[in-house]
């Protein structure tokens, strides 16, 4: 994330906060009908996807790993490329004609979720995006948003599974957090 686009505040969640997010999502998801399978976007969607798969009794869980490669211009500035690189993605035959729940933790720019949903549609399946947090202030899409979300935020969200492993390595991304504060 570019420094000029960094959120001004962070929100540290507990497991109880996560339970509340799941409780907000479940009625929405159940009202939408049956999902044949779930695609979890790694890494952020692994824990939310697991929690939702268990609660919704979705037994077919697939994963997608997406990268937006960066290139550096002559001035040394980093520019993310528009086209995603799919590091892992289910075969089209596993998706065709299915209703799929696509799960990630946060919709920031929206690029990852929309790239996965587009590829799902190209496989002749119907995809529904689902995140714990939607940040409309960072989204690059004026006409797209997650199909399901538990909360709207403008903060940098830190989930409890990120806290328990420590925030070493992400402290440089969190304004105001000193590396020794993570221990």
N, C-alpha and C. Protein backbone atom coordinates (compact mmCIF):
# COMPACT_ATOMS: atom_id res chain seq x y z
N UNK A 1 0.85 -1.17 0.00
CA UNK A 1 0.00 0.00 0.00
C UNK A 1 0.89 1.23 0.00
N UNK A 2 0.53 2.19 -0.80
CA UNK A 2 1.30 3.42 -0.86
C UNK A 2 1.09 4.23 0.41
N UNK A 3 2.14 4.90 0.91
CA UNK A 3 2.00 5.67 2.15
C UNK A 3 0.87 6.68 2.12
N UNK A 4 0.61 7.30 0.98
CA UNK A 4 -0.43 8.31 0.92
C UNK A 4 -1.83 7.70 1.04
N UNK A 5 -1.96 6.40 0.82
CA UNK A 5 -3.26 5.74 0.89
C UNK A 5 -3.41 4.93 2.17
N UNK A 6 -2.45 5.02 3.05
CA UNK A 6 -2.51 4.28 4.31
C UNK A 6 -3.63 4.79 5.20
N UNK A 7 -4.39 3.88 5.81
CA UNK A 7 -5.42 4.34 6.73
C UNK A 7 -4.81 5.06 7.92
N UNK A 8 -5.57 5.93 8.52
CA UNK A 8 -5.09 6.69 9.66
C UNK A 8 -5.23 5.92 10.96
N UNK A 9 -6.02 4.89 10.97
CA UNK A 9 -6.22 4.16 12.22
C UNK A 9 -6.22 2.66 11.97
N UNK A 10 -5.99 1.92 13.05
CA UNK A 10 -6.03 0.47 12.98
C UNK A 10 -7.15 -0.01 13.89
N UNK A 11 -7.65 -1.18 13.57
CA UNK A 11 -8.66 -1.81 14.40
C UNK A 11 -8.19 -3.22 14.69
N UNK A 12 -7.93 -3.50 15.97
CA UNK A 12 -7.46 -4.81 16.42
C UNK A 12 -8.66 -5.60 16.89
N UNK A 13 -8.93 -6.75 16.27
CA UNK A 13 -10.10 -7.54 16.62
C UNK A 13 -9.76 -8.69 17.54
N UNK A 14 -10.73 -9.09 18.32
CA UNK A 14 -10.63 -10.27 19.18
C UNK A 14 -11.38 -11.41 18.50
N UNK A 15 -11.26 -12.61 19.05
CA UNK A 15 -12.03 -13.74 18.53
C UNK A 15 -13.53 -13.51 18.74
N UNK A 16 -13.89 -12.80 19.79
CA UNK A 16 -15.30 -12.48 20.02
C UNK A 16 -15.81 -11.53 18.92
N UNK A 17 -14.96 -10.61 18.48
CA UNK A 17 -15.34 -9.72 17.37
C UNK A 17 -15.57 -10.54 16.10
N UNK A 18 -14.71 -11.52 15.88
CA UNK A 18 -14.84 -12.38 14.70
C UNK A 18 -16.14 -13.18 14.77
N UNK A 19 -16.47 -13.70 15.94
CA UNK A 19 -17.74 -14.41 16.11
C UNK A 19 -18.92 -13.53 15.73
N UNK A 20 -18.86 -12.26 16.12
CA UNK A 20 -19.94 -11.32 15.79
C UNK A 20 -20.03 -11.10 14.27
N UNK A 21 -18.88 -11.03 13.61
CA UNK A 21 -18.87 -10.86 12.15
C UNK A 21 -19.52 -12.07 11.47
N UNK A 22 -19.17 -13.26 11.95
CA UNK A 22 -19.78 -14.48 11.41
C UNK A 22 -21.29 -14.44 11.64
N UNK A 23 -21.70 -14.03 12.83
CA UNK A 23 -23.14 -13.95 13.15
C UNK A 23 -23.87 -12.97 12.24
N UNK A 24 -23.21 -11.90 11.81
CA UNK A 24 -23.82 -10.94 10.88
C UNK A 24 -23.94 -11.55 9.49
N UNK A 25 -22.94 -12.31 9.08
CA UNK A 25 -22.93 -12.87 7.73
C UNK A 25 -23.89 -14.05 7.55
N UNK A 26 -24.00 -14.90 8.56
CA UNK A 26 -24.77 -16.14 8.38
C UNK A 26 -26.21 -15.92 7.90
N UNK A 27 -26.98 -15.01 8.47
CA UNK A 27 -28.35 -14.82 7.95
C UNK A 27 -28.36 -14.36 6.49
N UNK A 28 -27.42 -13.50 6.12
CA UNK A 28 -27.34 -13.04 4.73
C UNK A 28 -27.07 -14.21 3.79
N UNK A 29 -26.11 -15.04 4.18
CA UNK A 29 -25.70 -16.16 3.34
C UNK A 29 -26.79 -17.22 3.25
N UNK A 30 -27.43 -17.51 4.37
CA UNK A 30 -28.52 -18.51 4.36
C UNK A 30 -29.69 -18.02 3.51
N UNK A 31 -29.98 -16.72 3.57
CA UNK A 31 -31.07 -16.16 2.77
C UNK A 31 -30.78 -16.23 1.27
N UNK A 32 -29.50 -16.27 0.91
CA UNK A 32 -29.12 -16.30 -0.51
C UNK A 32 -29.28 -17.69 -1.12
N UNK A 33 -29.49 -18.70 -0.30
CA UNK A 33 -29.69 -20.05 -0.82
C UNK A 33 -28.44 -20.91 -0.67
N UNK A 34 -28.52 -22.08 -1.23
CA UNK A 34 -27.47 -23.09 -1.10
C UNK A 34 -26.25 -22.75 -1.97
N UNK A 35 -25.08 -22.96 -1.41
CA UNK A 35 -23.83 -22.84 -2.17
C UNK A 35 -23.28 -24.25 -2.37
N UNK A 36 -22.90 -24.56 -3.60
CA UNK A 36 -22.37 -25.89 -3.90
C UNK A 36 -20.96 -26.08 -3.38
N UNK A 37 -20.22 -24.98 -3.35
CA UNK A 37 -18.81 -25.05 -2.92
C UNK A 37 -18.36 -23.66 -2.51
N UNK A 38 -17.17 -23.63 -1.93
CA UNK A 38 -16.56 -22.37 -1.51
C UNK A 38 -15.17 -22.28 -2.10
N UNK A 39 -14.81 -21.09 -2.52
CA UNK A 39 -13.43 -20.80 -2.92
C UNK A 39 -12.87 -19.83 -1.89
N UNK A 40 -11.83 -20.27 -1.21
CA UNK A 40 -11.17 -19.44 -0.23
C UNK A 40 -9.98 -18.75 -0.91
N UNK A 41 -9.91 -17.44 -0.80
CA UNK A 41 -8.77 -16.70 -1.35
C UNK A 41 -7.67 -16.71 -0.30
N UNK A 42 -6.53 -17.29 -0.68
CA UNK A 42 -5.42 -17.37 0.27
C UNK A 42 -4.67 -16.06 0.28
N UNK A 43 -4.11 -15.71 1.35
CA UNK A 43 -4.12 -16.28 2.66
C UNK A 43 -5.21 -15.69 3.51
N UNK A 44 -5.63 -14.50 3.22
CA UNK A 44 -6.57 -13.80 4.09
C UNK A 44 -7.89 -14.51 4.30
N UNK A 45 -8.36 -15.26 3.33
CA UNK A 45 -9.66 -15.91 3.44
C UNK A 45 -9.66 -17.26 4.12
N UNK A 46 -8.49 -17.75 4.50
CA UNK A 46 -8.43 -19.10 5.06
C UNK A 46 -9.24 -19.23 6.35
N UNK A 47 -9.00 -18.38 7.31
CA UNK A 47 -9.73 -18.48 8.58
C UNK A 47 -11.20 -18.10 8.40
N UNK A 48 -11.53 -16.96 7.78
CA UNK A 48 -12.95 -16.66 7.58
C UNK A 48 -13.67 -17.76 6.78
N UNK A 49 -13.02 -18.27 5.76
CA UNK A 49 -13.63 -19.33 4.95
C UNK A 49 -13.87 -20.59 5.75
N UNK A 50 -12.91 -20.97 6.57
CA UNK A 50 -13.08 -22.15 7.40
C UNK A 50 -14.24 -22.01 8.37
N UNK A 51 -14.34 -20.85 8.99
CA UNK A 51 -15.43 -20.61 9.93
C UNK A 51 -16.78 -20.66 9.22
N UNK A 52 -16.86 -20.03 8.05
CA UNK A 52 -18.13 -20.00 7.32
C UNK A 52 -18.47 -21.36 6.71
N UNK A 53 -17.47 -22.09 6.23
CA UNK A 53 -17.72 -23.42 5.67
C UNK A 53 -18.30 -24.34 6.74
N UNK A 54 -17.75 -24.27 7.94
CA UNK A 54 -18.26 -25.09 9.05
C UNK A 54 -19.69 -24.68 9.41
N UNK A 55 -19.94 -23.40 9.54
CA UNK A 55 -21.26 -22.92 9.95
C UNK A 55 -22.33 -23.21 8.89
N UNK A 56 -21.95 -23.18 7.62
CA UNK A 56 -22.90 -23.39 6.52
C UNK A 56 -22.90 -24.83 6.02
N UNK A 57 -22.06 -25.67 6.61
CA UNK A 57 -21.92 -27.07 6.21
C UNK A 57 -21.55 -27.21 4.73
N UNK A 58 -20.62 -26.37 4.30
CA UNK A 58 -20.08 -26.47 2.94
C UNK A 58 -18.86 -27.39 3.01
N UNK A 59 -18.95 -28.52 2.35
CA UNK A 59 -17.87 -29.51 2.46
C UNK A 59 -16.88 -29.45 1.30
N UNK A 60 -17.28 -28.85 0.20
CA UNK A 60 -16.37 -28.71 -0.94
C UNK A 60 -15.71 -27.34 -0.85
N UNK A 61 -14.46 -27.32 -0.39
CA UNK A 61 -13.74 -26.07 -0.18
C UNK A 61 -12.50 -26.08 -1.08
N UNK A 62 -12.42 -25.09 -1.94
CA UNK A 62 -11.32 -24.96 -2.90
C UNK A 62 -10.54 -23.70 -2.56
N UNK A 63 -9.37 -23.52 -3.17
CA UNK A 63 -8.65 -22.27 -2.90
C UNK A 63 -8.15 -21.63 -4.18
N UNK A 64 -7.95 -20.33 -4.05
CA UNK A 64 -7.40 -19.52 -5.13
C UNK A 64 -6.31 -18.64 -4.54
N UNK A 65 -5.18 -18.63 -5.18
CA UNK A 65 -4.09 -17.75 -4.79
C UNK A 65 -3.83 -16.81 -5.96
N UNK A 66 -3.91 -15.52 -5.67
CA UNK A 66 -3.81 -14.50 -6.72
C UNK A 66 -2.72 -13.51 -6.36
N UNK A 67 -1.95 -13.14 -7.36
CA UNK A 67 -0.91 -12.14 -7.17
C UNK A 67 -1.06 -11.08 -8.25
N UNK A 68 -0.86 -9.85 -7.84
CA UNK A 68 -0.80 -8.76 -8.81
C UNK A 68 0.65 -8.32 -8.86
N UNK A 69 1.40 -8.81 -9.85
CA UNK A 69 2.84 -8.50 -9.89
C UNK A 69 3.07 -6.99 -9.98
N UNK A 70 4.20 -6.60 -9.47
CA UNK A 70 4.59 -5.19 -9.51
C UNK A 70 5.75 -5.03 -10.47
N UNK A 71 5.84 -3.86 -11.04
CA UNK A 71 7.02 -3.52 -11.83
C UNK A 71 7.52 -2.17 -11.34
N UNK A 72 8.77 -1.94 -11.56
CA UNK A 72 9.40 -0.70 -11.10
C UNK A 72 9.75 0.15 -12.31
N UNK A 73 9.40 1.43 -12.24
CA UNK A 73 9.74 2.32 -13.34
C UNK A 73 11.18 2.83 -13.17
N UNK A 74 11.61 3.67 -14.07
CA UNK A 74 12.99 4.17 -14.06
C UNK A 74 13.29 5.02 -12.83
N UNK A 75 12.25 5.57 -12.22
CA UNK A 75 12.45 6.39 -11.01
C UNK A 75 12.42 5.55 -9.75
N UNK A 76 12.23 4.22 -9.89
CA UNK A 76 12.19 3.34 -8.74
C UNK A 76 10.83 3.24 -8.07
N UNK A 77 9.82 3.84 -8.68
CA UNK A 77 8.47 3.76 -8.11
C UNK A 77 7.85 2.43 -8.50
N UNK A 78 7.11 1.84 -7.57
CA UNK A 78 6.44 0.57 -7.81
C UNK A 78 5.06 0.82 -8.39
N UNK A 79 4.74 0.01 -9.39
CA UNK A 79 3.44 0.10 -10.03
C UNK A 79 2.88 -1.31 -10.12
N UNK A 80 1.70 -1.51 -9.53
CA UNK A 80 1.07 -2.82 -9.63
C UNK A 80 0.47 -3.00 -11.01
N UNK A 81 0.67 -4.18 -11.57
CA UNK A 81 0.12 -4.47 -12.88
C UNK A 81 -1.37 -4.78 -12.76
N UNK A 82 -2.10 -4.50 -13.82
CA UNK A 82 -3.54 -4.66 -13.83
C UNK A 82 -3.94 -6.12 -13.88
N UNK A 83 -3.22 -6.94 -14.63
CA UNK A 83 -3.63 -8.33 -14.84
C UNK A 83 -3.10 -9.20 -13.72
N UNK A 84 -3.99 -9.99 -13.13
CA UNK A 84 -3.56 -10.86 -12.02
C UNK A 84 -2.82 -12.09 -12.53
N UNK A 85 -2.01 -12.62 -11.65
CA UNK A 85 -1.35 -13.90 -11.90
C UNK A 85 -2.00 -14.88 -10.92
N UNK A 86 -2.63 -15.92 -11.44
CA UNK A 86 -3.26 -16.93 -10.60
C UNK A 86 -2.22 -17.99 -10.27
N UNK A 87 -1.80 -18.01 -9.02
CA UNK A 87 -0.81 -18.98 -8.57
C UNK A 87 -1.44 -20.34 -8.35
N UNK A 88 -2.67 -20.35 -7.88
CA UNK A 88 -3.47 -21.57 -7.71
C UNK A 88 -4.90 -21.22 -8.06
N UNK A 89 -5.58 -22.14 -8.74
CA UNK A 89 -6.99 -21.93 -9.03
C UNK A 89 -7.60 -23.26 -9.41
N UNK A 90 -8.83 -23.54 -8.96
CA UNK A 90 -9.48 -24.81 -9.28
C UNK A 90 -9.71 -24.95 -10.79
N UNK A 91 -9.67 -26.18 -11.24
CA UNK A 91 -9.96 -26.48 -12.64
C UNK A 91 -11.41 -26.08 -12.96
N UNK A 92 -11.63 -25.62 -14.18
CA UNK A 92 -12.96 -25.20 -14.59
C UNK A 92 -14.00 -26.31 -14.38
N UNK A 93 -13.61 -27.57 -14.58
CA UNK A 93 -14.55 -28.69 -14.42
C UNK A 93 -15.07 -28.81 -12.99
N UNK A 94 -14.32 -28.31 -12.01
CA UNK A 94 -14.75 -28.35 -10.62
C UNK A 94 -15.75 -27.23 -10.30
N UNK A 95 -15.83 -26.23 -11.20
CA UNK A 95 -16.65 -25.05 -10.95
C UNK A 95 -17.91 -24.98 -11.79
N UNK A 96 -17.87 -25.54 -12.98
CA UNK A 96 -18.95 -25.37 -13.97
C UNK A 96 -20.32 -25.66 -13.38
N UNK A 97 -21.25 -24.75 -13.65
CA UNK A 97 -22.66 -24.85 -13.27
C UNK A 97 -22.91 -24.83 -11.77
N UNK A 98 -21.95 -24.40 -10.98
CA UNK A 98 -22.11 -24.38 -9.53
C UNK A 98 -22.32 -22.96 -9.02
N UNK A 99 -22.94 -22.88 -7.84
CA UNK A 99 -23.05 -21.63 -7.08
C UNK A 99 -21.91 -21.65 -6.07
N UNK A 100 -21.02 -20.68 -6.19
CA UNK A 100 -19.80 -20.67 -5.39
C UNK A 100 -19.74 -19.44 -4.49
N UNK A 101 -19.35 -19.67 -3.26
CA UNK A 101 -19.12 -18.58 -2.32
C UNK A 101 -17.62 -18.32 -2.31
N UNK A 102 -17.23 -17.10 -2.67
CA UNK A 102 -15.82 -16.68 -2.75
C UNK A 102 -15.51 -15.87 -1.51
N UNK A 103 -14.60 -16.35 -0.66
CA UNK A 103 -14.39 -15.74 0.65
C UNK A 103 -12.97 -15.18 0.79
N UNK A 104 -12.90 -13.95 1.29
CA UNK A 104 -11.64 -13.31 1.67
C UNK A 104 -11.91 -12.56 2.97
N UNK A 105 -10.86 -12.04 3.58
CA UNK A 105 -11.05 -11.33 4.84
C UNK A 105 -11.53 -9.89 4.61
N UNK A 106 -10.87 -9.19 3.70
CA UNK A 106 -11.14 -7.77 3.49
C UNK A 106 -11.27 -7.46 1.99
N UNK A 107 -12.20 -6.59 1.65
CA UNK A 107 -12.25 -6.01 0.31
C UNK A 107 -11.65 -4.63 0.47
N UNK A 108 -10.37 -4.51 0.08
CA UNK A 108 -9.70 -3.22 0.10
C UNK A 108 -9.86 -2.60 -1.27
N UNK A 109 -8.90 -2.86 -2.13
CA UNK A 109 -9.01 -2.35 -3.50
C UNK A 109 -10.09 -3.09 -4.28
N UNK A 110 -10.36 -4.33 -3.90
CA UNK A 110 -11.36 -5.14 -4.59
C UNK A 110 -10.81 -5.94 -5.76
N UNK A 111 -9.54 -5.73 -6.08
CA UNK A 111 -8.98 -6.39 -7.26
C UNK A 111 -8.96 -7.91 -7.14
N UNK A 112 -8.60 -8.43 -5.98
CA UNK A 112 -8.48 -9.88 -5.85
C UNK A 112 -9.84 -10.55 -5.95
N UNK A 113 -10.80 -10.07 -5.19
CA UNK A 113 -12.14 -10.68 -5.23
C UNK A 113 -12.77 -10.59 -6.61
N UNK A 114 -12.63 -9.46 -7.28
CA UNK A 114 -13.23 -9.32 -8.61
C UNK A 114 -12.51 -10.19 -9.63
N UNK A 115 -11.20 -10.36 -9.49
CA UNK A 115 -10.46 -11.23 -10.41
C UNK A 115 -10.91 -12.68 -10.26
N UNK A 116 -11.09 -13.12 -9.01
CA UNK A 116 -11.55 -14.49 -8.78
C UNK A 116 -12.98 -14.66 -9.28
N UNK A 117 -13.85 -13.71 -9.00
CA UNK A 117 -15.23 -13.80 -9.46
C UNK A 117 -15.30 -13.84 -10.99
N UNK A 118 -14.49 -13.05 -11.66
CA UNK A 118 -14.46 -13.05 -13.13
C UNK A 118 -14.02 -14.40 -13.67
N UNK A 119 -13.02 -14.98 -13.03
CA UNK A 119 -12.54 -16.29 -13.50
C UNK A 119 -13.59 -17.38 -13.22
N UNK A 120 -14.31 -17.27 -12.12
CA UNK A 120 -15.39 -18.20 -11.81
C UNK A 120 -16.48 -18.09 -12.90
N UNK A 121 -16.84 -16.88 -13.27
CA UNK A 121 -17.85 -16.67 -14.30
C UNK A 121 -17.38 -17.23 -15.65
N UNK A 122 -16.09 -17.09 -15.92
CA UNK A 122 -15.54 -17.63 -17.17
C UNK A 122 -15.61 -19.15 -17.21
N UNK A 123 -15.67 -19.78 -16.03
CA UNK A 123 -15.78 -21.24 -15.94
C UNK A 123 -17.24 -21.70 -15.95
N UNK A 124 -18.15 -20.80 -16.30
CA UNK A 124 -19.58 -21.09 -16.37
C UNK A 124 -20.17 -21.44 -15.00
N UNK A 125 -19.71 -20.70 -13.99
CA UNK A 125 -20.24 -20.86 -12.64
C UNK A 125 -20.75 -19.50 -12.16
N UNK A 126 -21.47 -19.51 -11.06
CA UNK A 126 -21.98 -18.28 -10.47
C UNK A 126 -21.24 -18.05 -9.17
N UNK A 127 -20.55 -16.92 -9.08
CA UNK A 127 -19.77 -16.62 -7.89
C UNK A 127 -20.37 -15.48 -7.09
N UNK A 128 -20.29 -15.60 -5.77
CA UNK A 128 -20.75 -14.58 -4.84
C UNK A 128 -19.59 -14.24 -3.92
N UNK A 129 -19.20 -12.98 -3.88
CA UNK A 129 -18.07 -12.58 -3.03
C UNK A 129 -18.55 -12.29 -1.62
N UNK A 130 -17.70 -12.65 -0.65
CA UNK A 130 -18.03 -12.50 0.75
C UNK A 130 -16.77 -12.13 1.52
N UNK A 131 -16.83 -11.08 2.32
CA UNK A 131 -15.70 -10.65 3.14
C UNK A 131 -16.21 -10.25 4.53
N UNK A 132 -15.31 -10.29 5.48
CA UNK A 132 -15.65 -9.77 6.80
C UNK A 132 -15.77 -8.25 6.75
N UNK A 133 -14.80 -7.58 6.09
CA UNK A 133 -14.76 -6.11 6.07
C UNK A 133 -14.70 -5.57 4.65
N UNK A 134 -15.54 -4.59 4.39
CA UNK A 134 -15.57 -3.89 3.12
C UNK A 134 -15.08 -2.47 3.37
N UNK A 135 -14.05 -2.07 2.63
CA UNK A 135 -13.52 -0.72 2.73
C UNK A 135 -13.84 0.04 1.44
N UNK A 136 -14.99 0.70 1.38
CA UNK A 136 -15.38 1.39 0.14
C UNK A 136 -14.47 2.58 -0.18
N UNK A 137 -13.72 3.05 0.79
CA UNK A 137 -12.85 4.20 0.60
C UNK A 137 -11.59 3.83 -0.16
N UNK A 138 -11.22 2.55 -0.16
CA UNK A 138 -10.04 2.08 -0.88
C UNK A 138 -10.40 1.37 -2.17
N UNK A 139 -11.66 1.00 -2.33
CA UNK A 139 -12.07 0.21 -3.48
C UNK A 139 -11.78 0.94 -4.78
N UNK A 140 -11.28 0.21 -5.74
CA UNK A 140 -11.00 0.77 -7.06
C UNK A 140 -12.22 0.71 -7.97
N UNK A 141 -13.30 0.13 -7.48
CA UNK A 141 -14.48 -0.11 -8.29
C UNK A 141 -15.64 0.73 -7.78
N UNK A 142 -16.16 1.59 -8.62
CA UNK A 142 -17.28 2.43 -8.20
C UNK A 142 -18.61 1.68 -8.31
N UNK A 143 -18.67 0.65 -9.14
CA UNK A 143 -19.92 -0.07 -9.34
C UNK A 143 -19.88 -1.50 -8.84
N UNK A 144 -18.83 -1.87 -8.16
CA UNK A 144 -18.72 -3.24 -7.63
C UNK A 144 -18.41 -3.18 -6.15
N UNK A 145 -19.02 -4.10 -5.44
CA UNK A 145 -18.74 -4.25 -4.01
C UNK A 145 -19.00 -5.72 -3.69
N UNK A 146 -18.59 -6.16 -2.52
CA UNK A 146 -18.84 -7.56 -2.18
C UNK A 146 -20.35 -7.85 -2.15
N UNK A 147 -20.69 -9.07 -2.53
CA UNK A 147 -22.10 -9.48 -2.45
C UNK A 147 -22.55 -9.58 -0.99
N UNK A 148 -21.62 -10.00 -0.13
CA UNK A 148 -21.90 -10.13 1.30
C UNK A 148 -20.73 -9.58 2.09
N UNK A 149 -21.03 -8.79 3.11
CA UNK A 149 -19.99 -8.32 4.03
C UNK A 149 -20.61 -8.07 5.39
N UNK A 150 -19.76 -8.21 6.41
CA UNK A 150 -20.25 -8.07 7.78
C UNK A 150 -20.13 -6.64 8.29
N UNK A 151 -19.13 -5.90 7.81
CA UNK A 151 -18.92 -4.55 8.33
C UNK A 151 -18.26 -3.68 7.26
N UNK A 152 -18.53 -2.38 7.36
CA UNK A 152 -17.85 -1.38 6.53
C UNK A 152 -16.80 -0.72 7.42
N UNK A 153 -15.63 -0.47 6.84
CA UNK A 153 -14.55 0.12 7.63
C UNK A 153 -13.71 1.05 6.77
N UNK A 154 -12.99 1.93 7.45
CA UNK A 154 -11.95 2.72 6.79
C UNK A 154 -10.61 2.43 7.45
N UNK A 155 -10.59 1.45 8.34
CA UNK A 155 -9.39 1.15 9.14
C UNK A 155 -8.58 0.01 8.54
N UNK A 156 -7.35 -0.07 8.98
CA UNK A 156 -6.50 -1.22 8.71
C UNK A 156 -6.87 -2.27 9.76
N UNK A 157 -7.44 -3.39 9.33
CA UNK A 157 -7.95 -4.40 10.26
C UNK A 157 -6.85 -5.40 10.59
N UNK A 158 -6.71 -5.68 11.88
CA UNK A 158 -5.76 -6.70 12.33
C UNK A 158 -6.59 -7.76 13.05
N UNK A 159 -6.62 -8.95 12.45
CA UNK A 159 -7.43 -10.05 12.97
C UNK A 159 -6.68 -10.79 14.07
N UNK A 160 -7.41 -11.51 14.93
CA UNK A 160 -6.76 -12.20 16.05
C UNK A 160 -5.75 -13.26 15.62
N UNK A 161 -5.94 -13.88 14.47
CA UNK A 161 -4.96 -14.86 14.01
C UNK A 161 -3.67 -14.18 13.55
N UNK A 162 -3.73 -12.91 13.24
CA UNK A 162 -2.51 -12.17 12.92
C UNK A 162 -1.79 -11.74 14.19
N UNK A 163 -2.54 -11.43 15.22
CA UNK A 163 -1.95 -11.01 16.49
C UNK A 163 -1.22 -12.17 17.15
N UNK A 164 -1.85 -13.35 17.16
CA UNK A 164 -1.28 -14.49 17.88
C UNK A 164 0.03 -14.96 17.27
N UNK A 165 0.24 -14.73 16.00
CA UNK A 165 1.52 -15.12 15.42
C UNK A 165 2.53 -13.97 15.50
N UNK A 166 2.08 -12.84 16.04
CA UNK A 166 2.94 -11.67 16.14
C UNK A 166 2.77 -10.81 14.91
N UNK A 167 3.11 -9.56 15.04
CA UNK A 167 2.98 -8.65 13.91
C UNK A 167 4.33 -8.32 13.31
N UNK A 168 5.33 -9.12 13.64
CA UNK A 168 6.64 -8.91 13.01
C UNK A 168 6.47 -9.05 11.51
N UNK A 169 7.03 -8.15 10.78
CA UNK A 169 6.93 -8.18 9.34
C UNK A 169 5.80 -7.32 8.81
N UNK A 170 4.78 -7.05 9.64
CA UNK A 170 3.72 -6.15 9.16
C UNK A 170 3.76 -4.83 9.90
N UNK A 171 4.65 -4.72 10.88
CA UNK A 171 4.68 -3.48 11.66
C UNK A 171 5.04 -2.28 10.81
N UNK A 172 5.81 -2.50 9.76
CA UNK A 172 6.16 -1.36 8.91
C UNK A 172 4.94 -0.86 8.13
N UNK A 173 3.91 -1.71 8.02
CA UNK A 173 2.69 -1.33 7.31
C UNK A 173 1.67 -0.65 8.21
N UNK A 174 1.92 -0.65 9.52
CA UNK A 174 0.95 -0.11 10.45
C UNK A 174 1.49 1.19 11.03
N UNK A 175 0.91 2.31 10.62
CA UNK A 175 1.40 3.59 11.14
C UNK A 175 1.28 3.65 12.66
N UNK A 176 2.31 4.15 13.29
CA UNK A 176 2.28 4.36 14.73
C UNK A 176 2.61 3.15 15.57
N UNK A 177 2.78 1.98 14.95
CA UNK A 177 3.11 0.79 15.72
C UNK A 177 4.61 0.56 15.68
N UNK A 178 5.23 0.58 16.82
CA UNK A 178 6.65 0.35 16.92
C UNK A 178 6.89 -1.15 17.01
N UNK A 179 7.91 -1.71 16.34
CA UNK A 179 8.14 -3.15 16.33
C UNK A 179 8.16 -3.79 17.72
N UNK A 180 8.61 -3.08 18.74
CA UNK A 180 8.64 -3.68 20.07
C UNK A 180 7.25 -3.76 20.69
N UNK A 181 6.27 -3.05 20.13
CA UNK A 181 4.91 -3.10 20.65
C UNK A 181 4.22 -4.42 20.32
N UNK A 182 4.78 -5.20 19.40
CA UNK A 182 4.12 -6.43 18.95
C UNK A 182 4.44 -7.62 19.84
N UNK A 183 5.31 -7.48 20.81
CA UNK A 183 5.68 -8.62 21.65
C UNK A 183 4.90 -8.66 22.93
